[in-house]
Amino acid sequence: MDDKEIRKKILERLYQEFREKSIVSRIPMCQIGKEIGVDQKVMDSNVAYLEGKGFIEYVGFGDQLGALITITPDGIDELEFKNDTPGSTQSIVISESQVGPIIQAQHIDFNPSIFLEQLNSQIQDHSEIAPEIKKHWKEFLKDVPKIVLE
């Protein structure tokens, strides 16, 4: 298991605890390490990374259990709204060569609606973009003309 998977499992476990106990959710760091099968050194480095990103925070120390950690609102958002790897968001990269012909075709009589429709088509046809991200962009681009006109 690599660090990305470990961080995801840590966040998922903290999220589960949050959903079960809400505001008073806190788990000993060593307990999570045992549950996911990693040693203390690996937990320390991954917890430090997640804390640095603002996804978790230390909330005290248990008697003999060591550091207690909890998920933050940013950590919840990371799990609920982002890609499946904590700390990395999925970017949509559309190269100039893909957008260039769209812009050139509309250069003289630029029509934003046609441009947005063609941009959406490029996004929908991109094989590396997750379906939920495609759906998000489709909905967003559908509303852009309304936003611009307001």
C-alpha atoms as a PDB file:
ATOM      1  CA  MET A   1       0.000   0.000   0.000  1.00  0.00           C
ATOM      2  CA  ASP A   2       1.467   3.355  -1.020  1.00  0.00           C
ATOM      3  CA  ASP A   3       1.188   6.658   0.854  1.00  0.00           C
ATOM      4  CA  LYS A   4      -1.764   7.872  -1.223  1.00  0.00           C
ATOM      5  CA  GLU A   5      -3.767   4.785  -0.278  1.00  0.00           C
ATOM      6  CA  ILE A   6      -2.731   5.125   3.360  1.00  0.00           C
ATOM      7  CA  ARG A   7      -3.829   8.765   3.484  1.00  0.00           C
ATOM      8  CA  LYS A   8      -7.129   7.852   1.874  1.00  0.00           C
ATOM      9  CA  LYS A   9      -7.721   5.106   4.443  1.00  0.00           C
ATOM     10  CA  ILE A  10      -6.867   7.454   7.312  1.00  0.00           C
ATOM     11  CA  LEU A  11      -9.334  10.048   6.051  1.00  0.00           C
ATOM     12  CA  GLU A  12     -12.003   7.428   5.404  1.00  0.00           C
ATOM     13  CA  ARG A  13     -11.663   6.060   8.936  1.00  0.00           C
ATOM     14  CA  LEU A  14     -11.839   9.534  10.466  1.00  0.00           C
ATOM     15  CA  TYR A  15     -14.809  10.356   8.246  1.00  0.00           C
ATOM     16  CA  GLN A  16     -16.581   7.178   9.399  1.00  0.00           C
ATOM     17  CA  GLU A  17     -15.997   8.184  13.010  1.00  0.00           C
ATOM     18  CA  PHE A  18     -17.294  11.694  12.292  1.00  0.00           C
ATOM     19  CA  ARG A  19     -20.464  10.303  10.709  1.00  0.00           C
ATOM     20  CA  GLU A  20     -21.053   8.039  13.716  1.00  0.00           C
ATOM     21  CA  LYS A  21     -20.170  10.459  16.526  1.00  0.00           C
ATOM     22  CA  SER A  22     -20.358  13.863  14.852  1.00  0.00           C
ATOM     23  CA  ILE A  23     -18.676  16.713  16.668  1.00  0.00           C
ATOM     24  CA  VAL A  24     -16.923  14.611  19.331  1.00  0.00           C
ATOM     25  CA  SER A  25     -15.207  12.310  16.859  1.00  0.00           C
ATOM     26  CA  ARG A  26     -11.590  11.595  17.678  1.00  0.00           C
ATOM     27  CA  ILE A  27      -9.526   8.464  17.268  1.00  0.00           C
ATOM     28  CA  PRO A  28      -6.100   7.496  18.566  1.00  0.00           C
ATOM     29  CA  MET A  29      -3.630   7.672  15.726  1.00  0.00           C
ATOM     30  CA  CYS A  30      -2.131   4.313  16.718  1.00  0.00           C
ATOM     31  CA  GLN A  31      -5.571   2.667  16.524  1.00  0.00           C
ATOM     32  CA  ILE A  32      -5.998   3.742  12.910  1.00  0.00           C
ATOM     33  CA  GLY A  33      -2.483   2.517  12.160  1.00  0.00           C
ATOM     34  CA  LYS A  34      -3.339  -0.920  13.543  1.00  0.00           C
ATOM     35  CA  GLU A  35      -6.645  -1.011  11.674  1.00  0.00           C
ATOM     36  CA  ILE A  36      -5.052  -0.261   8.314  1.00  0.00           C
ATOM     37  CA  GLY A  37      -1.900  -2.279   9.002  1.00  0.00           C
ATOM     38  CA  VAL A  38       0.865   0.322   9.027  1.00  0.00           C
ATOM     39  CA  ASP A  39       3.564   1.063  11.611  1.00  0.00           C
ATOM     40  CA  GLN A  40       3.894   4.225  13.675  1.00  0.00           C
ATOM     41  CA  LYS A  41       6.593   5.787  11.484  1.00  0.00           C
ATOM     42  CA  VAL A  42       4.388   5.487   8.388  1.00  0.00           C
ATOM     43  CA  MET A  43       1.401   6.865  10.313  1.00  0.00           C
ATOM     44  CA  ASP A  44       3.462   9.792  11.598  1.00  0.00           C
ATOM     45  CA  SER A  45       4.548  10.899   8.141  1.00  0.00           C
ATOM     46  CA  ASN A  46       1.102  10.505   6.592  1.00  0.00           C
ATOM     47  CA  VAL A  47      -0.694  12.209   9.477  1.00  0.00           C
ATOM     48  CA  ALA A  48       1.812  15.082   9.271  1.00  0.00           C
ATOM     49  CA  TYR A  49       1.041  15.404   5.559  1.00  0.00           C
ATOM     50  CA  LEU A  50      -2.734  15.367   6.121  1.00  0.00           C
ATOM     51  CA  GLU A  51      -2.416  17.868   8.966  1.00  0.00           C
ATOM     52  CA  GLY A  52      -0.298  20.134   6.772  1.00  0.00           C
ATOM     53  CA  LYS A  53      -3.014  20.064   4.111  1.00  0.00           C
ATOM     54  CA  GLY A  54      -5.594  20.980   6.757  1.00  0.00           C
ATOM     55  CA  PHE A  55      -7.524  17.701   6.339  1.00  0.00           C
ATOM     56  CA  ILE A  56      -7.037  16.478   9.915  1.00  0.00           C
ATOM     57  CA  GLU A  57      -6.022  17.965  13.237  1.00  0.00           C
ATOM     58  CA  TYR A  58      -4.658  16.820  16.563  1.00  0.00           C
ATOM     59  CA  VAL A  59      -7.264  17.159  19.308  1.00  0.00           C
ATOM     60  CA  GLY A  60      -5.392  15.893  22.335  1.00  0.00           C
ATOM     61  CA  PHE A  61      -3.790  12.826  23.815  1.00  0.00           C
ATOM     62  CA  GLY A  62      -5.415   9.698  25.152  1.00  0.00           C
ATOM     63  CA  ASP A  63      -4.139   8.152  28.382  1.00  0.00           C
ATOM     64  CA  GLN A  64      -1.980   5.429  26.900  1.00  0.00           C
ATOM     65  CA  LEU A  65      -3.274   5.681  23.357  1.00  0.00           C
ATOM     66  CA  GLY A  66      -1.159   8.602  22.190  1.00  0.00           C
ATOM     67  CA  ALA A  67      -2.282  11.386  19.881  1.00  0.00           C
ATOM     68  CA  LEU A  68      -5.968  11.762  19.121  1.00  0.00           C
ATOM     69  CA  ILE A  69      -6.875  13.017  15.655  1.00  0.00           C
ATOM     70  CA  THR A  70     -10.058  14.108  13.917  1.00  0.00           C
ATOM     71  CA  ILE A  71     -11.122  15.059  10.424  1.00  0.00           C
ATOM     72  CA  THR A  72     -11.595  18.741   9.580  1.00  0.00           C
ATOM     73  CA  PRO A  73     -14.262  20.266   7.330  1.00  0.00           C
ATOM     74  CA  ASP A  74     -11.614  20.454   4.579  1.00  0.00           C
ATOM     75  CA  GLY A  75     -10.926  16.749   5.067  1.00  0.00           C
ATOM     76  CA  ILE A  76     -14.628  15.975   4.735  1.00  0.00           C
ATOM     77  CA  ASP A  77     -14.793  18.039   1.552  1.00  0.00           C
ATOM     78  CA  GLU A  78     -11.722  16.242   0.232  1.00  0.00           C
ATOM     79  CA  LEU A  79     -13.505  12.909   0.550  1.00  0.00           C
ATOM     80  CA  GLU A  80     -16.926  14.050  -0.596  1.00  0.00           C
ATOM     81  CA  PHE A  81     -16.087  16.361  -3.473  1.00  0.00           C
ATOM     82  CA  LYS A  82     -12.634  15.579  -4.769  1.00  0.00           C
ATOM     83  CA  ASN A  83     -10.902  12.833  -6.623  1.00  0.00           C
ATOM     84  CA  ASP A  84     -10.273   9.534  -4.874  1.00  0.00           C
ATOM     85  CA  THR A  85      -6.776  10.497  -3.727  1.00  0.00           C
ATOM     86  CA  PRO A  86      -6.506  12.910  -0.798  1.00  0.00           C
ATOM     87  CA  GLY A  87      -4.332  15.885  -1.502  1.00  0.00           C
ATOM     88  CA  SER A  88      -4.789  15.802  -5.220  1.00  0.00           C
ATOM     89  CA  THR A  89      -7.634  17.211  -7.173  1.00  0.00           C
ATOM     90  CA  GLN A  90      -8.384  16.093 -10.660  1.00  0.00           C
ATOM     91  CA  SER A  91      -7.592  18.826 -13.111  1.00  0.00           C
ATOM     92  CA  ILE A  92      -9.120  18.993 -16.512  1.00  0.00           C
ATOM     93  CA  VAL A  93      -6.316  19.655 -18.929  1.00  0.00           C
ATOM     94  CA  ILE A  94      -7.346  20.629 -22.389  1.00  0.00           C
ATOM     95  CA  SER A  95      -4.459  21.546 -24.600  1.00  0.00           C
ATOM     96  CA  GLU A  96      -4.275  24.554 -26.869  1.00  0.00           C
ATOM     97  CA  SER A  97      -4.339  22.171 -29.813  1.00  0.00           C
ATOM     98  CA  GLN A  98      -7.770  20.963 -28.669  1.00  0.00           C
ATOM     99  CA  VAL A  99      -9.236  24.400 -27.935  1.00  0.00           C
ATOM    100  CA  GLY A 100      -7.346  26.285 -30.650  1.00  0.00           C
ATOM    101  CA  PRO A 101      -9.493  25.055 -33.556  1.00  0.00           C
ATOM    102  CA  ILE A 102     -12.637  25.965 -31.628  1.00  0.00           C
ATOM    103  CA  ILE A 103     -11.363  29.507 -31.058  1.00  0.00           C
ATOM    104  CA  GLN A 104     -10.069  29.849 -34.624  1.00  0.00           C
ATOM    105  CA  ALA A 105     -13.374  28.693 -36.072  1.00  0.00           C
ATOM    106  CA  GLN A 106     -15.135  31.357 -34.020  1.00  0.00           C
ATOM    107  CA  HIS A 107     -12.450  34.044 -34.348  1.00  0.00           C
ATOM    108  CA  ILE A 108     -14.357  36.481 -36.527  1.00  0.00           C
ATOM    109  CA  ASP A 109     -17.854  35.872 -35.187  1.00  0.00           C
ATOM    110  CA  PHE A 110     -17.096  34.587 -31.707  1.00  0.00           C
ATOM    111  CA  ASN A 111     -20.178  32.999 -30.187  1.00  0.00           C
ATOM    112  CA  PRO A 112     -19.755  32.116 -26.482  1.00  0.00           C
ATOM    113  CA  SER A 113     -22.607  29.584 -26.566  1.00  0.00           C
ATOM    114  CA  ILE A 114     -21.011  27.632 -29.390  1.00  0.00           C
ATOM    115  CA  PHE A 115     -17.616  27.861 -27.727  1.00  0.00           C
ATOM    116  CA  LEU A 116     -19.012  26.491 -24.439  1.00  0.00           C
ATOM    117  CA  GLU A 117     -20.865  23.720 -26.263  1.00  0.00           C
ATOM    118  CA  GLN A 118     -17.692  22.686 -28.054  1.00  0.00           C
ATOM    119  CA  LEU A 119     -15.634  22.948 -24.867  1.00  0.00           C
ATOM    120  CA  ASN A 120     -18.136  20.676 -23.121  1.00  0.00           C
ATOM    121  CA  SER A 121     -17.853  18.245 -26.014  1.00  0.00           C
ATOM    122  CA  GLN A 122     -14.051  18.159 -25.573  1.00  0.00           C
ATOM    123  CA  ILE A 123     -14.459  17.466 -21.850  1.00  0.00           C
ATOM    124  CA  GLN A 124     -17.051  14.733 -22.395  1.00  0.00           C
ATOM    125  CA  ASP A 125     -14.827  13.027 -24.997  1.00  0.00           C
ATOM    126  CA  HIS A 126     -11.704  13.107 -22.775  1.00  0.00           C
ATOM    127  CA  SER A 127     -11.091   9.508 -21.659  1.00  0.00           C
ATOM    128  CA  GLU A 128      -9.102  10.315 -18.489  1.00  0.00           C
ATOM    129  CA  ILE A 129     -11.795  12.439 -16.860  1.00  0.00           C
ATOM    130  CA  ALA A 130     -13.953  10.657 -14.292  1.00  0.00           C
ATOM    131  CA  PRO A 131     -17.695  10.462 -15.096  1.00  0.00           C
ATOM    132  CA  GLU A 132     -18.714  12.489 -12.036  1.00  0.00           C
ATOM    133  CA  ILE A 133     -16.309  15.276 -13.044  1.00  0.00           C
ATOM    134  CA  LYS A 134     -17.710  15.226 -16.575  1.00  0.00           C
ATOM    135  CA  LYS A 135     -21.228  15.511 -15.160  1.00  0.00           C
ATOM    136  CA  HIS A 136     -20.180  18.441 -12.948  1.00  0.00           C
ATOM    137  CA  TRP A 137     -18.650  20.331 -15.881  1.00  0.00           C
ATOM    138  CA  LYS A 138     -21.641  19.602 -18.108  1.00  0.00           C
ATOM    139  CA  GLU A 139     -23.968  21.143 -15.502  1.00  0.00           C
ATOM    140  CA  PHE A 140     -21.624  24.059 -14.840  1.00  0.00           C
ATOM    141  CA  LEU A 141     -21.132  24.919 -18.512  1.00  0.00           C
ATOM    142  CA  LYS A 142     -24.876  24.711 -19.076  1.00  0.00           C
ATOM    143  CA  ASP A 143     -25.351  27.521 -16.544  1.00  0.00           C
ATOM    144  CA  VAL A 144     -22.492  29.786 -17.700  1.00  0.00           C
ATOM    145  CA  PRO A 145     -24.541  31.718 -20.287  1.00  0.00           C
ATOM    146  CA  LYS A 146     -27.140  32.464 -17.592  1.00  0.00           C
ATOM    147  CA  ILE A 147     -24.416  33.776 -15.271  1.00  0.00           C
ATOM    148  CA  VAL A 148     -22.844  35.926 -17.991  1.00  0.00           C
ATOM    149  CA  LEU A 149     -26.174  37.448 -18.999  1.00  0.00           C
ATOM    150  CA  GLU A 150     -27.175  38.375 -15.437  1.00  0.00           C
END
